[in-house]
């Protein structure tokens, strides 16, 4: 994935939460665009966890897919 794709997903209006899927099977959930910082070069990003003090370091070239949950008829994503 290129950093520009991540920036576009973060800047979408209205924002839609998404998941970043890696080839290793790891998934990083992005629920709020304000919790993600992308380095100037775009090679690295940090995604902070809203529920605790943790974070994920993201090597953008290792992201295989950006996944958006389906939107239901009422405009909200489906909950599991």
C-alpha atoms as a PDB file:
ATOM      1  CA  UNK A   1       0.000   0.000   0.000  1.00  0.00           C
ATOM      2  CA  UNK A   2       1.149   3.505  -0.649  1.00  0.00           C
ATOM      3  CA  UNK A   3       0.957   6.170   2.042  1.00  0.00           C
ATOM      4  CA  UNK A   4      -1.306   8.255  -0.208  1.00  0.00           C
ATOM      5  CA  UNK A   5      -4.020   5.572   0.030  1.00  0.00           C
ATOM      6  CA  UNK A   6      -3.837   5.741   3.816  1.00  0.00           C
ATOM      7  CA  UNK A   7      -3.985   9.537   3.763  1.00  0.00           C
ATOM      8  CA  UNK A   8      -7.067   9.429   1.499  1.00  0.00           C
ATOM      9  CA  UNK A   9      -8.838   7.002   3.842  1.00  0.00           C
ATOM     10  CA  UNK A  10      -8.013   9.215   6.841  1.00  0.00           C
ATOM     11  CA  UNK A  11      -9.119  12.411   5.063  1.00  0.00           C
ATOM     12  CA  UNK A  12     -12.406  11.060   3.675  1.00  0.00           C
ATOM     13  CA  UNK A  13     -15.457  13.162   4.512  1.00  0.00           C
ATOM     14  CA  UNK A  14     -17.388  11.744   6.178  1.00  0.00           C
ATOM     15  CA  UNK A  15     -14.767   9.555   7.791  1.00  0.00           C
ATOM     16  CA  UNK A  16     -15.457   5.805   7.658  1.00  0.00           C
ATOM     17  CA  UNK A  17     -13.663   3.543  10.155  1.00  0.00           C
ATOM     18  CA  UNK A  18     -11.475   0.933   8.477  1.00  0.00           C
ATOM     19  CA  UNK A  19      -9.028  -1.891   9.089  1.00  0.00           C
ATOM     20  CA  UNK A  20      -5.486  -2.292   7.801  1.00  0.00           C
ATOM     21  CA  UNK A  21      -4.700  -5.910   6.967  1.00  0.00           C
ATOM     22  CA  UNK A  22      -1.134  -7.210   6.802  1.00  0.00           C
ATOM     23  CA  UNK A  23       0.195 -10.316   5.064  1.00  0.00           C
ATOM     24  CA  UNK A  24       1.074 -11.770   8.464  1.00  0.00           C
ATOM     25  CA  UNK A  25      -2.623 -11.773   9.374  1.00  0.00           C
ATOM     26  CA  UNK A  26      -2.313  -8.806  11.719  1.00  0.00           C
ATOM     27  CA  UNK A  27      -5.183  -6.310  11.610  1.00  0.00           C
ATOM     28  CA  UNK A  28      -5.064  -2.711  12.849  1.00  0.00           C
ATOM     29  CA  UNK A  29      -8.427  -1.025  13.392  1.00  0.00           C
ATOM     30  CA  UNK A  30      -8.695   2.708  12.725  1.00  0.00           C
ATOM     31  CA  UNK A  31     -11.809   4.164  14.363  1.00  0.00           C
ATOM     32  CA  UNK A  32     -10.742   7.810  14.497  1.00  0.00           C
ATOM     33  CA  UNK A  33      -8.513   9.655  11.994  1.00  0.00           C
ATOM     34  CA  UNK A  34      -7.107  11.827  14.782  1.00  0.00           C
ATOM     35  CA  UNK A  35      -5.436   8.772  16.293  1.00  0.00           C
ATOM     36  CA  UNK A  36      -3.167   8.115  13.285  1.00  0.00           C
ATOM     37  CA  UNK A  37       0.048   9.970  12.458  1.00  0.00           C
ATOM     38  CA  UNK A  38       1.939   9.410   9.200  1.00  0.00           C
ATOM     39  CA  UNK A  39       5.629  10.260   8.875  1.00  0.00           C
ATOM     40  CA  UNK A  40       6.669  12.883   6.350  1.00  0.00           C
ATOM     41  CA  UNK A  41       8.180  10.225   4.067  1.00  0.00           C
ATOM     42  CA  UNK A  42       5.019   8.123   4.333  1.00  0.00           C
ATOM     43  CA  UNK A  43       6.957   4.956   5.077  1.00  0.00           C
ATOM     44  CA  UNK A  44       5.805   4.735   8.696  1.00  0.00           C
ATOM     45  CA  UNK A  45       2.595   5.535  10.543  1.00  0.00           C
ATOM     46  CA  UNK A  46       1.502   5.275  14.161  1.00  0.00           C
ATOM     47  CA  UNK A  47      -2.018   4.246  15.130  1.00  0.00           C
ATOM     48  CA  UNK A  48      -2.903   4.951  18.740  1.00  0.00           C
ATOM     49  CA  UNK A  49      -5.401   2.716  20.572  1.00  0.00           C
ATOM     50  CA  UNK A  50      -8.423   4.656  21.861  1.00  0.00           C
ATOM     51  CA  UNK A  51      -9.056   2.180  24.694  1.00  0.00           C
ATOM     52  CA  UNK A  52      -5.587   2.186  26.280  1.00  0.00           C
ATOM     53  CA  UNK A  53      -2.149   3.794  26.083  1.00  0.00           C
ATOM     54  CA  UNK A  54      -0.907   1.457  23.348  1.00  0.00           C
ATOM     55  CA  UNK A  55      -0.087   2.042  19.711  1.00  0.00           C
ATOM     56  CA  UNK A  56       0.830   0.179  16.541  1.00  0.00           C
ATOM     57  CA  UNK A  57       3.777   1.082  14.354  1.00  0.00           C
ATOM     58  CA  UNK A  58       2.754   0.622  10.734  1.00  0.00           C
ATOM     59  CA  UNK A  59       5.199   0.121   7.889  1.00  0.00           C
ATOM     60  CA  UNK A  60       2.915   1.292   5.092  1.00  0.00           C
ATOM     61  CA  UNK A  61       4.577  -0.871   2.430  1.00  0.00           C
ATOM     62  CA  UNK A  62       3.624  -3.979   4.457  1.00  0.00           C
ATOM     63  CA  UNK A  63      -0.107  -3.190   4.471  1.00  0.00           C
ATOM     64  CA  UNK A  64      -1.853  -5.473   1.992  1.00  0.00           C
ATOM     65  CA  UNK A  65      -5.376  -4.031   2.171  1.00  0.00           C
ATOM     66  CA  UNK A  66      -7.578  -1.299   3.565  1.00  0.00           C
ATOM     67  CA  UNK A  67     -10.950  -2.801   4.477  1.00  0.00           C
ATOM     68  CA  UNK A  68     -14.079  -0.744   5.040  1.00  0.00           C
ATOM     69  CA  UNK A  69     -17.000  -2.429   6.834  1.00  0.00           C
ATOM     70  CA  UNK A  70     -20.205  -2.555   4.796  1.00  0.00           C
ATOM     71  CA  UNK A  71     -22.608   0.340   5.291  1.00  0.00           C
ATOM     72  CA  UNK A  72     -26.115  -0.643   6.347  1.00  0.00           C
ATOM     73  CA  UNK A  73     -29.284   1.051   5.083  1.00  0.00           C
ATOM     74  CA  UNK A  74     -29.356   3.468   8.011  1.00  0.00           C
ATOM     75  CA  UNK A  75     -25.871   4.707   7.090  1.00  0.00           C
ATOM     76  CA  UNK A  76     -24.020   2.985   9.927  1.00  0.00           C
ATOM     77  CA  UNK A  77     -21.552   0.148   9.638  1.00  0.00           C
ATOM     78  CA  UNK A  78     -22.718  -3.271  10.737  1.00  0.00           C
ATOM     79  CA  UNK A  79     -21.777  -4.271  14.269  1.00  0.00           C
ATOM     80  CA  UNK A  80     -20.658  -7.745  15.175  1.00  0.00           C
END
